[in-house]
């Protein structure tokens, strides 16, 4: 999968490992299309993906990737999981502001 930081692209379970093990800090937005807070945070994630070039932002639909959501214990959405060198280092659950996400990411850059 090509690293494209212009926007937060949707990935599937088969792309997940390659994406989080790309040597960058990666934010995975676990979401569902029917989830109103997920829809509200989507433009924030898109804006951050455009703004913060040192971080890769991706989205993962929990309805289409249930095993992966279970593997990472995602029971509430939106759930942003931050990966560094392929390992989970942090997570944020619920609707977040861009500033809160940026502040949390600062320590991983």
N, C-alpha and C. Protein backbone atom coordinates (compact mmCIF):
# COMPACT_ATOMS: atom_id res chain seq x y z
N UNK A 1 0.84 -1.18 0.00
CA UNK A 1 0.00 0.00 0.00
C UNK A 1 0.88 1.24 0.00
N UNK A 2 0.62 2.13 -0.89
CA UNK A 2 1.40 3.37 -0.97
C UNK A 2 1.05 4.28 0.20
N UNK A 3 2.05 4.94 0.73
CA UNK A 3 1.82 5.88 1.83
C UNK A 3 1.37 7.19 1.21
N UNK A 4 0.10 7.50 1.43
CA UNK A 4 -0.50 8.72 0.90
C UNK A 4 -1.04 9.49 2.08
N UNK A 5 -0.46 10.62 2.38
CA UNK A 5 -0.88 11.35 3.56
C UNK A 5 -1.81 12.51 3.23
N UNK A 6 -2.33 12.56 2.00
CA UNK A 6 -3.24 13.64 1.66
C UNK A 6 -4.56 13.52 2.40
N UNK A 7 -4.93 12.30 2.73
CA UNK A 7 -6.16 12.10 3.48
C UNK A 7 -6.07 10.79 4.24
N UNK A 8 -7.00 10.62 5.14
CA UNK A 8 -7.05 9.38 5.92
C UNK A 8 -7.78 8.34 5.08
N UNK A 9 -7.04 7.40 4.55
CA UNK A 9 -7.62 6.39 3.66
C UNK A 9 -8.21 5.24 4.47
N UNK A 10 -9.23 4.62 3.90
CA UNK A 10 -9.81 3.42 4.49
C UNK A 10 -8.90 2.24 4.19
N UNK A 11 -8.65 1.43 5.19
CA UNK A 11 -7.87 0.21 4.98
C UNK A 11 -8.70 -0.98 5.42
N UNK A 12 -8.26 -2.16 5.01
CA UNK A 12 -8.93 -3.39 5.42
C UNK A 12 -7.97 -4.19 6.30
N UNK A 13 -8.47 -5.29 6.81
CA UNK A 13 -7.66 -6.14 7.68
C UNK A 13 -6.39 -6.61 6.99
N UNK A 14 -6.48 -6.90 5.69
CA UNK A 14 -5.30 -7.41 4.99
C UNK A 14 -4.22 -6.33 4.80
N UNK A 15 -4.57 -5.07 4.88
CA UNK A 15 -3.60 -3.98 4.76
C UNK A 15 -3.09 -3.48 6.10
N UNK A 16 -3.72 -3.93 7.17
CA UNK A 16 -3.46 -3.38 8.50
C UNK A 16 -2.01 -3.53 8.95
N UNK A 17 -1.48 -4.75 8.91
CA UNK A 17 -0.12 -4.99 9.41
C UNK A 17 0.91 -4.16 8.65
N UNK A 18 0.81 -4.14 7.34
CA UNK A 18 1.75 -3.36 6.54
C UNK A 18 1.65 -1.88 6.87
N UNK A 19 0.44 -1.42 7.12
CA UNK A 19 0.21 0.00 7.41
C UNK A 19 0.81 0.40 8.75
N UNK A 20 0.55 -0.37 9.81
CA UNK A 20 1.04 0.03 11.14
C UNK A 20 2.52 -0.27 11.33
N UNK A 21 3.10 -1.09 10.46
CA UNK A 21 4.52 -1.42 10.55
C UNK A 21 5.35 -0.68 9.50
N UNK A 22 4.96 0.53 9.17
CA UNK A 22 5.64 1.27 8.10
C UNK A 22 6.76 2.18 8.60
N UNK A 23 7.09 2.10 9.89
CA UNK A 23 8.16 2.91 10.44
C UNK A 23 7.74 4.31 10.86
N UNK A 24 6.46 4.63 10.67
CA UNK A 24 5.95 5.94 11.07
C UNK A 24 5.00 5.77 12.25
N UNK A 25 4.65 6.89 12.85
CA UNK A 25 3.55 6.89 13.81
C UNK A 25 2.27 6.82 12.99
N UNK A 26 1.38 5.92 13.37
CA UNK A 26 0.14 5.69 12.62
C UNK A 26 -1.05 5.84 13.57
N UNK A 27 -2.06 6.58 13.14
CA UNK A 27 -3.30 6.70 13.88
C UNK A 27 -4.37 5.93 13.10
N UNK A 28 -4.95 4.93 13.75
CA UNK A 28 -6.02 4.15 13.13
C UNK A 28 -7.34 4.58 13.77
N UNK A 29 -8.24 5.09 12.94
CA UNK A 29 -9.57 5.52 13.37
C UNK A 29 -10.52 4.34 13.17
N UNK A 30 -10.83 3.63 14.25
CA UNK A 30 -11.83 2.55 14.20
C UNK A 30 -13.20 3.22 14.24
N UNK A 31 -14.02 3.00 13.21
CA UNK A 31 -15.29 3.71 13.08
C UNK A 31 -16.36 2.79 12.48
N UNK A 32 -17.58 3.31 12.43
CA UNK A 32 -18.67 2.66 11.71
C UNK A 32 -19.46 3.75 10.99
N UNK A 33 -20.02 3.40 9.85
CA UNK A 33 -20.75 4.39 9.04
C UNK A 33 -22.01 4.90 9.73
N UNK A 34 -22.60 4.12 10.62
CA UNK A 34 -23.83 4.49 11.30
C UNK A 34 -23.59 5.29 12.58
N UNK A 35 -22.34 5.47 12.96
CA UNK A 35 -21.97 6.10 14.23
C UNK A 35 -21.85 7.61 14.06
N UNK A 36 -22.75 8.37 14.70
CA UNK A 36 -22.75 9.82 14.55
C UNK A 36 -21.46 10.47 15.06
N UNK A 37 -20.92 10.10 16.25
CA UNK A 37 -19.65 10.69 16.67
C UNK A 37 -18.51 10.37 15.68
N UNK A 38 -18.57 9.19 15.05
CA UNK A 38 -17.56 8.84 14.04
C UNK A 38 -17.64 9.78 12.84
N UNK A 39 -18.88 10.08 12.43
CA UNK A 39 -19.07 11.00 11.31
C UNK A 39 -18.60 12.41 11.67
N UNK A 40 -18.75 12.78 12.94
CA UNK A 40 -18.34 14.11 13.39
C UNK A 40 -16.82 14.25 13.45
N UNK A 41 -16.12 13.17 13.80
CA UNK A 41 -14.66 13.25 13.93
C UNK A 41 -13.96 13.08 12.57
N UNK A 42 -14.64 12.54 11.59
CA UNK A 42 -14.03 12.27 10.28
C UNK A 42 -13.36 13.51 9.66
N UNK A 43 -14.03 14.67 9.62
CA UNK A 43 -13.36 15.84 9.04
C UNK A 43 -12.15 16.30 9.85
N UNK A 44 -12.17 16.08 11.15
CA UNK A 44 -11.04 16.42 12.02
C UNK A 44 -9.84 15.56 11.64
N UNK A 45 -10.09 14.27 11.44
CA UNK A 45 -9.02 13.33 11.06
C UNK A 45 -8.47 13.71 9.68
N UNK A 46 -9.35 14.05 8.74
CA UNK A 46 -8.92 14.45 7.40
C UNK A 46 -8.03 15.70 7.48
N UNK A 47 -8.43 16.66 8.28
CA UNK A 47 -7.65 17.90 8.44
C UNK A 47 -6.28 17.61 9.04
N UNK A 48 -6.23 16.76 10.06
CA UNK A 48 -4.96 16.41 10.69
C UNK A 48 -4.07 15.64 9.72
N UNK A 49 -4.65 14.77 8.91
CA UNK A 49 -3.87 14.01 7.93
C UNK A 49 -3.20 14.95 6.93
N UNK A 50 -3.89 16.01 6.60
CA UNK A 50 -3.33 16.99 5.67
C UNK A 50 -2.27 17.87 6.35
N UNK A 51 -2.45 18.10 7.64
CA UNK A 51 -1.59 19.03 8.39
C UNK A 51 -0.32 18.37 8.94
N UNK A 52 -0.43 17.16 9.48
CA UNK A 52 0.70 16.51 10.17
C UNK A 52 1.29 15.45 9.25
N UNK A 53 2.34 15.80 8.56
CA UNK A 53 2.92 14.90 7.55
C UNK A 53 3.76 13.78 8.15
N UNK A 54 4.15 13.89 9.43
CA UNK A 54 4.96 12.86 10.07
C UNK A 54 4.13 11.71 10.63
N UNK A 55 2.81 11.80 10.50
CA UNK A 55 1.91 10.78 11.02
C UNK A 55 1.04 10.29 9.88
N UNK A 56 0.83 8.97 9.82
CA UNK A 56 -0.07 8.37 8.84
C UNK A 56 -1.42 8.15 9.51
N UNK A 57 -2.47 8.68 8.91
CA UNK A 57 -3.82 8.51 9.43
C UNK A 57 -4.58 7.57 8.51
N UNK A 58 -5.22 6.56 9.10
CA UNK A 58 -6.05 5.63 8.32
C UNK A 58 -7.34 5.37 9.09
N UNK A 59 -8.34 4.87 8.36
CA UNK A 59 -9.63 4.54 8.95
C UNK A 59 -9.89 3.05 8.75
N UNK A 60 -10.53 2.43 9.75
CA UNK A 60 -10.86 1.02 9.67
C UNK A 60 -12.32 0.84 10.12
N UNK A 61 -13.15 0.37 9.19
CA UNK A 61 -14.56 0.16 9.47
C UNK A 61 -14.72 -1.09 10.33
N UNK A 62 -15.26 -0.93 11.54
CA UNK A 62 -15.37 -2.06 12.47
C UNK A 62 -16.40 -3.08 12.01
N UNK A 63 -17.39 -2.66 11.24
CA UNK A 63 -18.39 -3.60 10.75
C UNK A 63 -17.78 -4.53 9.69
N UNK A 64 -16.88 -4.00 8.89
CA UNK A 64 -16.24 -4.80 7.84
C UNK A 64 -15.01 -5.55 8.34
N UNK A 65 -14.50 -5.18 9.49
CA UNK A 65 -13.25 -5.77 10.02
C UNK A 65 -13.43 -6.13 11.49
N UNK A 66 -14.42 -6.96 11.77
CA UNK A 66 -14.80 -7.27 13.15
C UNK A 66 -13.70 -8.00 13.92
N UNK A 67 -12.98 -8.89 13.26
CA UNK A 67 -11.93 -9.64 13.97
C UNK A 67 -10.83 -8.71 14.46
N UNK A 68 -10.44 -7.76 13.63
CA UNK A 68 -9.40 -6.81 14.01
C UNK A 68 -9.88 -5.91 15.15
N UNK A 69 -11.12 -5.48 15.08
CA UNK A 69 -11.68 -4.67 16.17
C UNK A 69 -11.68 -5.46 17.47
N UNK A 70 -12.03 -6.74 17.41
CA UNK A 70 -12.00 -7.60 18.60
C UNK A 70 -10.57 -7.77 19.11
N UNK A 71 -9.64 -8.00 18.18
CA UNK A 71 -8.24 -8.21 18.56
C UNK A 71 -7.70 -7.04 19.38
N UNK A 72 -8.11 -5.82 19.03
CA UNK A 72 -7.62 -4.63 19.73
C UNK A 72 -8.59 -4.14 20.80
N UNK A 73 -9.62 -4.93 21.10
CA UNK A 73 -10.52 -4.60 22.20
C UNK A 73 -11.32 -3.34 21.96
N UNK A 74 -11.66 -3.07 20.72
CA UNK A 74 -12.44 -1.87 20.40
C UNK A 74 -13.91 -2.18 20.68
N UNK A 75 -14.44 -1.59 21.75
CA UNK A 75 -15.84 -1.81 22.09
C UNK A 75 -16.65 -0.52 22.03
N UNK A 76 -15.97 0.61 21.98
CA UNK A 76 -16.62 1.92 21.83
C UNK A 76 -15.97 2.64 20.67
N UNK A 77 -16.81 3.30 19.87
CA UNK A 77 -16.28 4.03 18.71
C UNK A 77 -16.82 5.45 18.74
N UNK A 78 -16.12 6.40 18.15
CA UNK A 78 -14.83 6.24 17.50
C UNK A 78 -13.73 5.91 18.51
N UNK A 79 -12.78 5.13 18.04
CA UNK A 79 -11.63 4.76 18.85
C UNK A 79 -10.38 5.00 18.00
N UNK A 80 -9.55 5.93 18.43
CA UNK A 80 -8.31 6.23 17.73
C UNK A 80 -7.19 5.51 18.45
N UNK A 81 -6.53 4.60 17.74
CA UNK A 81 -5.39 3.90 18.34
C UNK A 81 -4.13 4.38 17.66
N UNK A 82 -3.16 4.79 18.46
CA UNK A 82 -1.88 5.29 17.95
C UNK A 82 -0.87 4.16 18.01
N UNK A 83 -0.26 3.89 16.87
CA UNK A 83 0.76 2.85 16.76
C UNK A 83 2.10 3.50 16.47
N UNK A 84 3.14 2.99 17.10
CA UNK A 84 4.51 3.43 16.84
C UNK A 84 5.33 2.16 16.65
N UNK A 85 6.00 2.06 15.52
CA UNK A 85 6.80 0.86 15.21
C UNK A 85 5.97 -0.42 15.33
N UNK A 86 4.70 -0.35 14.91
CA UNK A 86 3.84 -1.52 14.88
C UNK A 86 3.19 -1.89 16.19
N UNK A 87 3.45 -1.13 17.25
CA UNK A 87 2.89 -1.45 18.57
C UNK A 87 1.96 -0.33 19.03
N UNK A 88 0.86 -0.73 19.66
CA UNK A 88 -0.06 0.25 20.21
C UNK A 88 0.61 1.00 21.35
N UNK A 89 0.61 2.34 21.27
CA UNK A 89 1.21 3.15 22.33
C UNK A 89 0.19 4.02 23.05
N UNK A 90 -0.98 4.20 22.45
CA UNK A 90 -1.98 5.07 23.06
C UNK A 90 -3.32 4.85 22.37
N UNK A 91 -4.39 5.28 23.03
CA UNK A 91 -5.71 5.25 22.39
C UNK A 91 -6.58 6.35 22.96
N UNK A 92 -7.48 6.83 22.12
CA UNK A 92 -8.43 7.87 22.51
C UNK A 92 -9.81 7.36 22.09
N UNK A 93 -10.75 7.38 23.02
CA UNK A 93 -12.09 6.87 22.74
C UNK A 93 -13.08 8.02 22.79
N UNK A 94 -13.99 8.03 21.83
CA UNK A 94 -15.02 9.07 21.77
C UNK A 94 -14.59 10.21 20.87
N UNK A 95 -15.50 11.15 20.71
CA UNK A 95 -15.24 12.30 19.86
C UNK A 95 -14.13 13.16 20.47
N UNK A 96 -13.19 13.58 19.66
CA UNK A 96 -12.03 14.36 20.12
C UNK A 96 -11.89 15.62 19.26
N UNK A 97 -11.28 16.63 19.84
CA UNK A 97 -10.96 17.82 19.05
C UNK A 97 -9.62 17.59 18.35
N UNK A 98 -9.39 18.34 17.30
CA UNK A 98 -8.12 18.27 16.61
C UNK A 98 -6.97 18.62 17.53
N UNK A 99 -7.19 19.61 18.40
CA UNK A 99 -6.15 20.04 19.33
C UNK A 99 -5.80 18.92 20.31
N UNK A 100 -6.81 18.22 20.80
CA UNK A 100 -6.56 17.13 21.75
C UNK A 100 -5.77 16.00 21.09
N UNK A 101 -6.10 15.70 19.85
CA UNK A 101 -5.39 14.64 19.13
C UNK A 101 -3.95 15.07 18.86
N UNK A 102 -3.76 16.31 18.41
CA UNK A 102 -2.41 16.82 18.16
C UNK A 102 -1.56 16.80 19.43
N UNK A 103 -2.15 17.21 20.54
CA UNK A 103 -1.43 17.24 21.81
C UNK A 103 -0.99 15.83 22.21
N UNK A 104 -1.88 14.85 22.03
CA UNK A 104 -1.55 13.47 22.37
C UNK A 104 -0.47 12.91 21.46
N UNK A 105 -0.52 13.30 20.18
CA UNK A 105 0.47 12.81 19.20
C UNK A 105 1.86 13.40 19.41
N UNK A 106 1.93 14.58 20.00
CA UNK A 106 3.20 15.29 20.12
C UNK A 106 4.30 14.45 20.75
N UNK A 107 3.96 13.64 21.72
CA UNK A 107 4.99 12.85 22.40
C UNK A 107 5.48 11.66 21.58
N UNK A 108 4.81 11.35 20.47
CA UNK A 108 5.21 10.21 19.64
C UNK A 108 5.92 10.62 18.37
N UNK A 109 6.16 11.91 18.20
CA UNK A 109 6.83 12.40 16.98
C UNK A 109 8.31 12.60 17.21
